Amino acid sequence: MKKRIFSVIVAMGMIISALSIESDLIPAKTAYAEKEVSSGITIDDEYLIPDGMGYFTYYVVVATNNTGSDIAISADFLAKDSGGTVLRRVNDYSDAVKNGQQFILYGQFSQESIRKAASFEYNYSIAPTDKCAYSQVSVNAKRNGHIVELSATNYSKYDIQGVGVRTIFLKNGKPIAFDTVNIADLGTTFHGGSTNYQVVGMNVSDYDDVVVTYTSVSSIPLPEDA
C-alpha cells in the first residue's frame, strides 16, 4: 500500500481558486512522481481539478500498472482539516487494469464538504485479477467542435461489463476539466462484436489536449485471442 499527500499550499490554492475559475492557481498540479517501486504502481501525474461550476473538485491520479500482472485496484481519497481530522473520504476503484496500462483513479469532493480542507491524501491497495478485458477492446477519441466523440469496440465474442472512459482536458499543459463516461450496449453490458459511442466534454470549450484512459472487465477470464 502506498500513500500520497498534497501539500497544504496546493490544497489552499484549490480552495481559493474555486471562487474564480480564471485564477492562475487552477488547475493545481503536484510534482509528486512515484519513486518507490515495491508495489509496481507508477504515479505519472496528480491533479486537483474544480468542475468550473463551483459544485465539485476532483482529485485525479494518473498512474501506470508496472506490477507485472493484471490487477484490481481500490483507492481512498481523503480531505483533512488543519488538525488532521478527516472531513470527507471517498473511494474509487477499477476491477481490471492490464499490466503496463495507464489508468486514472479519482476522488470527487463536493465543495461544501471541503471548505475547511487543508490537505488531501490518498492510499490504495491492489490484488491480482484474471478478468481484464483491456486487450479485447479498442477506444478511439475524436474532437468534434468542443466535444470529444468516443467510440469503443469489443472485438471479442464475449460480453463484457462496458468500457469505463476517463478524460482529462488540458490547456497549455494545465488540466482544466475532468469527465467520465461508461460505454455499453445495455446497462453495463457491452456485447461481443459490438461498437458503441459516447461523448465527453459537453461543458468544456477552451482546451488544446486531452488524456484518455479506459478500463474494461469481464465476468469470466478471457484468453488473449478471445
C-alpha atoms as a PDB file:
ATOM      1  CA  MET A   1       0.000   0.000   0.000  1.00  0.00           C
ATOM      2  CA  LYS A   2       1.236   3.452  -0.881  1.00  0.00           C
ATOM      3  CA  LYS A   3       0.201   6.868   0.354  1.00  0.00           C
ATOM      4  CA  ARG A   4       0.432  10.315  -1.219  1.00  0.00           C
ATOM      5  CA  ILE A   5      -0.272  13.688   0.373  1.00  0.00           C
ATOM      6  CA  PHE A   6      -0.990  17.043  -1.274  1.00  0.00           C
ATOM      7  CA  SER A   7       0.744  19.892   0.477  1.00  0.00           C
ATOM      8  CA  VAL A   8      -1.229  22.496   2.400  1.00  0.00           C
ATOM      9  CA  ILE A   9      -0.163  25.129  -0.132  1.00  0.00           C
ATOM     10  CA  VAL A  10      -1.626  23.189  -3.044  1.00  0.00           C
ATOM     11  CA  ALA A  11      -4.802  22.417  -1.119  1.00  0.00           C
ATOM     12  CA  MET A  12      -5.307  26.034  -0.123  1.00  0.00           C
ATOM     13  CA  GLY A  13      -4.710  27.094  -3.723  1.00  0.00           C
ATOM     14  CA  MET A  14      -7.529  24.792  -4.789  1.00  0.00           C
ATOM     15  CA  ILE A  15      -9.922  26.231  -2.222  1.00  0.00           C
ATOM     16  CA  ILE A  16      -9.149  29.833  -3.160  1.00  0.00           C
ATOM     17  CA  SER A  17      -9.288  29.193  -6.892  1.00  0.00           C
ATOM     18  CA  ALA A  18     -12.668  27.524  -6.616  1.00  0.00           C
ATOM     19  CA  LEU A  19     -14.037  31.047  -6.270  1.00  0.00           C
ATOM     20  CA  SER A  20     -12.559  32.165  -9.586  1.00  0.00           C
ATOM     21  CA  ILE A  21     -12.010  29.804 -12.499  1.00  0.00           C
ATOM     22  CA  GLU A  22      -9.596  32.265 -14.131  1.00  0.00           C
ATOM     23  CA  SER A  23      -7.128  32.114 -11.241  1.00  0.00           C
ATOM     24  CA  ASP A  24      -3.570  31.062 -12.043  1.00  0.00           C
ATOM     25  CA  LEU A  25      -3.856  28.638  -9.133  1.00  0.00           C
ATOM     26  CA  ILE A  26      -6.227  26.482 -11.065  1.00  0.00           C
ATOM     27  CA  PRO A  27      -5.775  23.847 -12.035  1.00  0.00           C
ATOM     28  CA  ALA A  28      -3.343  22.774  -9.338  1.00  0.00           C
ATOM     29  CA  LYS A  29      -0.864  20.049 -10.138  1.00  0.00           C
ATOM     30  CA  THR A  30       1.512  18.249  -7.818  1.00  0.00           C
ATOM     31  CA  ALA A  31       5.095  17.480  -8.659  1.00  0.00           C
ATOM     32  CA  TYR A  32       4.963  14.112  -6.957  1.00  0.00           C
ATOM     33  CA  ALA A  33       6.177  11.236  -9.114  1.00  0.00           C
ATOM     34  CA  GLU A  34       6.145   7.720  -7.725  1.00  0.00           C
ATOM     35  CA  LYS A  35       9.675   6.864  -6.566  1.00  0.00           C
ATOM     36  CA  GLU A  36       9.046   3.584  -4.773  1.00  0.00           C
ATOM     37  CA  VAL A  37       8.659   0.543  -6.978  1.00  0.00           C
ATOM     38  CA  SER A  38       7.702  -2.116  -4.427  1.00  0.00           C
ATOM     39  CA  SER A  39       4.040  -2.074  -5.435  1.00  0.00           C
ATOM     40  CA  GLY A  40       4.749  -1.644  -9.142  1.00  0.00           C
ATOM     41  CA  ILE A  41       2.283   1.252  -9.430  1.00  0.00           C
ATOM     42  CA  THR A  42       3.908   4.306 -11.004  1.00  0.00           C
ATOM     43  CA  ILE A  43       2.192   7.629 -10.325  1.00  0.00           C
ATOM     44  CA  ASP A  44       2.514   9.688 -13.508  1.00  0.00           C
ATOM     45  CA  ASP A  45       0.547  12.814 -12.562  1.00  0.00           C
ATOM     46  CA  GLU A  46      -1.775  14.119  -9.847  1.00  0.00           C
ATOM     47  CA  TYR A  47      -4.233  16.960 -10.253  1.00  0.00           C
ATOM     48  CA  LEU A  48      -6.831  18.947  -8.341  1.00  0.00           C
ATOM     49  CA  ILE A  49      -9.459  19.948 -10.899  1.00  0.00           C
ATOM     50  CA  PRO A  50     -12.511  22.079  -9.950  1.00  0.00           C
ATOM     51  CA  ASP A  51     -15.575  21.404 -12.082  1.00  0.00           C
ATOM     52  CA  GLY A  52     -15.822  25.036 -13.232  1.00  0.00           C
ATOM     53  CA  MET A  53     -19.305  25.485 -11.746  1.00  0.00           C
ATOM     54  CA  GLY A  54     -18.348  25.525  -8.076  1.00  0.00           C
ATOM     55  CA  TYR A  55     -20.006  22.250  -7.113  1.00  0.00           C
ATOM     56  CA  PHE A  56     -17.183  19.700  -7.044  1.00  0.00           C
ATOM     57  CA  THR A  57     -13.424  19.269  -7.059  1.00  0.00           C
ATOM     58  CA  TYR A  58     -11.770  16.171  -8.486  1.00  0.00           C
ATOM     59  CA  TYR A  59      -8.537  14.734  -7.131  1.00  0.00           C
ATOM     60  CA  VAL A  60      -7.293  12.887 -10.223  1.00  0.00           C
ATOM     61  CA  VAL A  61      -4.400  10.438 -10.220  1.00  0.00           C
ATOM     62  CA  VAL A  62      -2.870   9.194 -13.476  1.00  0.00           C
ATOM     63  CA  ALA A  63      -0.889   6.011 -12.929  1.00  0.00           C
ATOM     64  CA  THR A  64       0.647   3.042 -14.746  1.00  0.00           C
ATOM     65  CA  ASN A  65       0.434  -0.604 -13.739  1.00  0.00           C
ATOM     66  CA  ASN A  66       4.024  -1.876 -13.727  1.00  0.00           C
ATOM     67  CA  THR A  67       3.384  -4.785 -11.353  1.00  0.00           C
ATOM     68  CA  GLY A  68       3.934  -7.469 -13.981  1.00  0.00           C
ATOM     69  CA  SER A  69       0.336  -8.666 -13.599  1.00  0.00           C
ATOM     70  CA  ASP A  70      -3.212  -7.596 -14.324  1.00  0.00           C
ATOM     71  CA  ILE A  71      -4.686  -6.104 -11.158  1.00  0.00           C
ATOM     72  CA  ALA A  72      -7.770  -4.787  -9.429  1.00  0.00           C
ATOM     73  CA  ILE A  73      -7.095  -1.560  -7.535  1.00  0.00           C
ATOM     74  CA  SER A  74      -9.037   0.425  -4.935  1.00  0.00           C
ATOM     75  CA  ALA A  75      -8.171   3.894  -3.639  1.00  0.00           C
ATOM     76  CA  ASP A  76      -9.480   6.003  -0.763  1.00  0.00           C
ATOM     77  CA  PHE A  77      -9.194   9.770  -1.186  1.00  0.00           C
ATOM     78  CA  LEU A  78      -9.294  11.884   1.978  1.00  0.00           C
ATOM     79  CA  ALA A  79      -9.759  15.589   2.662  1.00  0.00           C
ATOM     80  CA  LYS A  80      -8.407  16.716   6.047  1.00  0.00           C
ATOM     81  CA  ASP A  81      -8.557  19.924   8.044  1.00  0.00           C
ATOM     82  CA  SER A  82      -5.512  21.644   9.540  1.00  0.00           C
ATOM     83  CA  GLY A  83      -5.679  19.413  12.613  1.00  0.00           C
ATOM     84  CA  GLY A  84      -5.612  16.215  10.586  1.00  0.00           C
ATOM     85  CA  THR A  85      -9.287  15.378  11.067  1.00  0.00           C
ATOM     86  CA  VAL A  86     -10.831  13.649   8.059  1.00  0.00           C
ATOM     87  CA  LEU A  87     -13.565  15.865   6.627  1.00  0.00           C
ATOM     88  CA  ARG A  88     -14.558  13.569   3.788  1.00  0.00           C
ATOM     89  CA  ARG A  89     -13.483  10.168   2.490  1.00  0.00           C
ATOM     90  CA  VAL A  90     -14.398   8.936  -0.992  1.00  0.00           C
ATOM     91  CA  ASN A  91     -13.477   5.748  -2.833  1.00  0.00           C
ATOM     92  CA  ASP A  92     -12.745   4.827  -6.408  1.00  0.00           C
ATOM     93  CA  TYR A  93     -11.686   1.526  -7.920  1.00  0.00           C
ATOM     94  CA  SER A  94     -11.031  -0.413 -11.073  1.00  0.00           C
ATOM     95  CA  ASP A  95     -11.745  -4.122 -11.220  1.00  0.00           C
ATOM     96  CA  ALA A  96      -9.245  -4.753 -14.016  1.00  0.00           C
ATOM     97  CA  VAL A  97      -6.119  -2.861 -15.076  1.00  0.00           C
ATOM     98  CA  LYS A  98      -3.878  -4.519 -17.646  1.00  0.00           C
ATOM     99  CA  ASN A  99      -0.184  -4.940 -16.904  1.00  0.00           C
ATOM    100  CA  GLY A 100       1.628  -1.981 -18.489  1.00  0.00           C
ATOM    101  CA  GLN A 101      -1.586   0.023 -18.850  1.00  0.00           C
ATOM    102  CA  GLN A 102      -2.002   3.666 -17.866  1.00  0.00           C
ATOM    103  CA  PHE A 103      -5.186   4.352 -15.927  1.00  0.00           C
ATOM    104  CA  ILE A 104      -6.965   7.016 -13.875  1.00  0.00           C
ATOM    105  CA  LEU A 105      -8.444   6.931 -10.376  1.00  0.00           C
ATOM    106  CA  TYR A 106     -10.182   9.927  -8.837  1.00  0.00           C
ATOM    107  CA  GLY A 107     -11.958  11.253  -5.789  1.00  0.00           C
ATOM    108  CA  GLN A 108     -14.938  13.569  -6.269  1.00  0.00           C
ATOM    109  CA  PHE A 109     -15.467  16.025  -3.400  1.00  0.00           C
ATOM    110  CA  SER A 110     -18.359  18.439  -3.045  1.00  0.00           C
ATOM    111  CA  GLN A 111     -17.168  21.981  -2.407  1.00  0.00           C
ATOM    112  CA  GLU A 112     -19.346  22.200   0.693  1.00  0.00           C
ATOM    113  CA  SER A 113     -17.636  19.170   2.267  1.00  0.00           C
ATOM    114  CA  ILE A 114     -14.096  20.524   1.803  1.00  0.00           C
ATOM    115  CA  ARG A 115     -14.457  24.213   2.675  1.00  0.00           C
ATOM    116  CA  LYS A 116     -12.195  23.685   5.705  1.00  0.00           C
ATOM    117  CA  ALA A 117      -9.792  21.320   3.941  1.00  0.00           C
ATOM    118  CA  ALA A 118      -6.077  21.956   4.469  1.00  0.00           C
ATOM    119  CA  SER A 119      -4.670  18.814   2.835  1.00  0.00           C
ATOM    120  CA  PHE A 120      -5.652  15.891   0.643  1.00  0.00           C
ATOM    121  CA  GLU A 121      -4.359  12.326   0.766  1.00  0.00           C
ATOM    122  CA  TYR A 122      -4.965   9.001  -0.894  1.00  0.00           C
ATOM    123  CA  ASN A 123      -3.970   5.430  -0.302  1.00  0.00           C
ATOM    124  CA  TYR A 124      -4.544   2.397  -2.448  1.00  0.00           C
ATOM    125  CA  SER A 125      -4.483  -1.392  -2.390  1.00  0.00           C
ATOM    126  CA  ILE A 126      -4.114  -3.866  -5.234  1.00  0.00           C
ATOM    127  CA  ALA A 127      -4.954  -7.507  -5.901  1.00  0.00           C
ATOM    128  CA  PRO A 128      -4.308  -9.759  -8.915  1.00  0.00           C
ATOM    129  CA  THR A 129      -7.156 -10.428 -11.341  1.00  0.00           C
ATOM    130  CA  ASP A 130      -7.770 -12.648 -14.367  1.00  0.00           C
ATOM    131  CA  LYS A 131     -10.865 -10.721 -15.542  1.00  0.00           C
ATOM    132  CA  CYS A 132      -9.198  -7.943 -17.561  1.00  0.00           C
ATOM    133  CA  ALA A 133     -10.816  -7.282 -20.962  1.00  0.00           C
ATOM    134  CA  TYR A 134      -8.490  -4.442 -21.995  1.00  0.00           C
ATOM    135  CA  SER A 135      -6.855  -6.414 -24.828  1.00  0.00           C
ATOM    136  CA  GLN A 136     -10.238  -7.212 -26.362  1.00  0.00           C
ATOM    137  CA  VAL A 137     -11.362  -3.575 -26.543  1.00  0.00           C
ATOM    138  CA  SER A 138     -10.316  -0.525 -28.520  1.00  0.00           C
ATOM    139  CA  VAL A 139     -11.305   3.073 -27.854  1.00  0.00           C
ATOM    140  CA  ASN A 140     -10.942   5.972 -30.271  1.00  0.00           C
ATOM    141  CA  ALA A 141     -11.344   9.648 -29.378  1.00  0.00           C
ATOM    142  CA  LYS A 142     -12.073  12.397 -31.913  1.00  0.00           C
ATOM    143  CA  ARG A 143     -12.693  16.070 -31.277  1.00  0.00           C
ATOM    144  CA  ASN A 144     -15.837  17.442 -32.904  1.00  0.00           C
ATOM    145  CA  GLY A 145     -16.221  21.114 -32.104  1.00  0.00           C
ATOM    146  CA  HIS A 146     -15.833  21.458 -28.351  1.00  0.00           C
ATOM    147  CA  ILE A 147     -16.848  17.876 -27.515  1.00  0.00           C
ATOM    148  CA  VAL A 148     -14.853  14.668 -27.795  1.00  0.00           C
ATOM    149  CA  GLU A 149     -16.593  11.784 -29.505  1.00  0.00           C
ATOM    150  CA  LEU A 150     -15.649   8.358 -28.187  1.00  0.00           C
ATOM    151  CA  SER A 151     -16.143   5.056 -29.965  1.00  0.00           C
ATOM    152  CA  ALA A 152     -15.450   1.674 -28.367  1.00  0.00           C
ATOM    153  CA  THR A 153     -15.417  -1.763 -29.959  1.00  0.00           C
ATOM    154  CA  ASN A 154     -15.496  -5.125 -28.193  1.00  0.00           C
ATOM    155  CA  TYR A 155     -13.537  -7.339 -30.571  1.00  0.00           C
ATOM    156  CA  SER A 156     -14.106 -10.489 -28.561  1.00  0.00           C
ATOM    157  CA  LYS A 157     -17.033 -12.882 -28.908  1.00  0.00           C
ATOM    158  CA  TYR A 158     -17.864 -12.464 -25.221  1.00  0.00           C
ATOM    159  CA  ASP A 159     -19.998  -9.909 -23.408  1.00  0.00           C
ATOM    160  CA  ILE A 160     -18.033  -7.674 -21.048  1.00  0.00           C
ATOM    161  CA  GLN A 161     -19.000  -5.124 -18.404  1.00  0.00           C
ATOM    162  CA  GLY A 162     -18.767  -1.995 -20.500  1.00  0.00           C
ATOM    163  CA  VAL A 163     -15.805   0.322 -21.018  1.00  0.00           C
ATOM    164  CA  GLY A 164     -15.072   2.962 -18.375  1.00  0.00           C
ATOM    165  CA  VAL A 165     -13.507   6.019 -20.032  1.00  0.00           C
ATOM    166  CA  ARG A 166     -11.905   8.857 -18.066  1.00  0.00           C
ATOM    167  CA  THR A 167     -10.750  12.056 -19.720  1.00  0.00           C
ATOM    168  CA  ILE A 168      -8.624  14.998 -18.584  1.00  0.00           C
ATOM    169  CA  PHE A 169      -8.877  18.200 -20.633  1.00  0.00           C
ATOM    170  CA  LEU A 170      -5.790  20.416 -20.771  1.00  0.00           C
ATOM    171  CA  LYS A 171      -4.927  23.930 -21.896  1.00  0.00           C
ATOM    172  CA  ASN A 172      -1.254  24.814 -22.343  1.00  0.00           C
ATOM    173  CA  GLY A 173      -0.348  21.692 -20.410  1.00  0.00           C
ATOM    174  CA  LYS A 174      -2.592  22.507 -17.438  1.00  0.00           C
ATOM    175  CA  PRO A 175      -5.724  20.488 -16.617  1.00  0.00           C
ATOM    176  CA  ILE A 176      -8.942  22.472 -16.801  1.00  0.00           C
ATOM    177  CA  ALA A 177     -11.656  19.811 -16.668  1.00  0.00           C
ATOM    178  CA  PHE A 178     -12.340  16.147 -15.992  1.00  0.00           C
ATOM    179  CA  ASP A 179     -15.081  13.912 -17.367  1.00  0.00           C
ATOM    180  CA  THR A 180     -16.076  10.250 -17.151  1.00  0.00           C
ATOM    181  CA  VAL A 181     -18.442   8.018 -19.080  1.00  0.00           C
ATOM    182  CA  ASN A 182     -19.256   4.323 -19.473  1.00  0.00           C
ATOM    183  CA  ILE A 183     -19.683   2.863 -22.947  1.00  0.00           C
ATOM    184  CA  ALA A 184     -22.016  -0.145 -23.173  1.00  0.00           C
ATOM    185  CA  ASP A 185     -24.959  -1.518 -25.134  1.00  0.00           C
ATOM    186  CA  LEU A 186     -27.466  -2.151 -22.377  1.00  0.00           C
ATOM    187  CA  GLY A 187     -26.910  -1.037 -18.797  1.00  0.00           C
ATOM    188  CA  THR A 188     -23.332  -2.107 -18.092  1.00  0.00           C
ATOM    189  CA  THR A 189     -23.249  -4.893 -20.702  1.00  0.00           C
ATOM    190  CA  PHE A 190     -21.128  -4.468 -23.832  1.00  0.00           C
ATOM    191  CA  HIS A 191     -21.858  -7.286 -26.264  1.00  0.00           C
ATOM    192  CA  GLY A 192     -19.185  -9.240 -28.089  1.00  0.00           C
ATOM    193  CA  GLY A 193     -18.515  -7.793 -31.549  1.00  0.00           C
ATOM    194  CA  SER A 194     -20.369  -4.563 -30.757  1.00  0.00           C
ATOM    195  CA  THR A 195     -19.351  -0.938 -31.303  1.00  0.00           C
ATOM    196  CA  ASN A 196     -20.932   1.881 -29.335  1.00  0.00           C
ATOM    197  CA  TYR A 197     -20.457   5.593 -28.807  1.00  0.00           C
ATOM    198  CA  GLN A 198     -20.456   8.334 -26.161  1.00  0.00           C
ATOM    199  CA  VAL A 199     -19.307  11.940 -25.839  1.00  0.00           C
ATOM    200  CA  VAL A 200     -17.392  13.826 -23.149  1.00  0.00           C
ATOM    201  CA  GLY A 201     -16.593  17.483 -22.632  1.00  0.00           C
ATOM    202  CA  MET A 202     -20.088  18.889 -23.010  1.00  0.00           C
ATOM    203  CA  ASN A 203     -19.229  21.700 -20.572  1.00  0.00           C
ATOM    204  CA  VAL A 204     -15.651  22.278 -21.754  1.00  0.00           C
ATOM    205  CA  SER A 205     -14.805  24.654 -24.589  1.00  0.00           C
ATOM    206  CA  ASP A 206     -11.286  26.054 -24.376  1.00  0.00           C
ATOM    207  CA  TYR A 207      -8.781  23.192 -24.372  1.00  0.00           C
ATOM    208  CA  ASP A 208      -5.986  22.033 -26.651  1.00  0.00           C
ATOM    209  CA  ASP A 209      -5.221  18.484 -25.488  1.00  0.00           C
ATOM    210  CA  VAL A 210      -6.838  15.529 -23.755  1.00  0.00           C
ATOM    211  CA  VAL A 211      -5.663  12.497 -21.779  1.00  0.00           C
ATOM    212  CA  VAL A 212      -7.958   9.499 -22.282  1.00  0.00           C
ATOM    213  CA  THR A 213      -7.711   6.232 -20.374  1.00  0.00           C
ATOM    214  CA  TYR A 214     -10.116   3.307 -20.205  1.00  0.00           C
ATOM    215  CA  THR A 215     -10.612   0.040 -18.396  1.00  0.00           C
ATOM    216  CA  SER A 216     -12.864  -2.926 -19.012  1.00  0.00           C
ATOM    217  CA  VAL A 217     -13.628  -6.043 -17.027  1.00  0.00           C
ATOM    218  CA  SER A 218     -15.139  -9.393 -17.932  1.00  0.00           C
ATOM    219  CA  SER A 219     -17.216 -11.662 -15.753  1.00  0.00           C
ATOM    220  CA  ILE A 220     -15.034 -14.567 -16.857  1.00  0.00           C
ATOM    221  CA  PRO A 221     -11.328 -14.898 -17.661  1.00  0.00           C
ATOM    222  CA  LEU A 222     -10.750 -14.088 -21.326  1.00  0.00           C
ATOM    223  CA  PRO A 223      -7.991 -15.607 -23.463  1.00  0.00           C
ATOM    224  CA  GLU A 224      -5.806 -13.159 -25.364  1.00  0.00           C
ATOM    225  CA  ASP A 225      -7.318 -14.342 -28.674  1.00  0.00           C
ATOM    226  CA  ALA A 226     -10.914 -14.103 -27.418  1.00  0.00           C
END
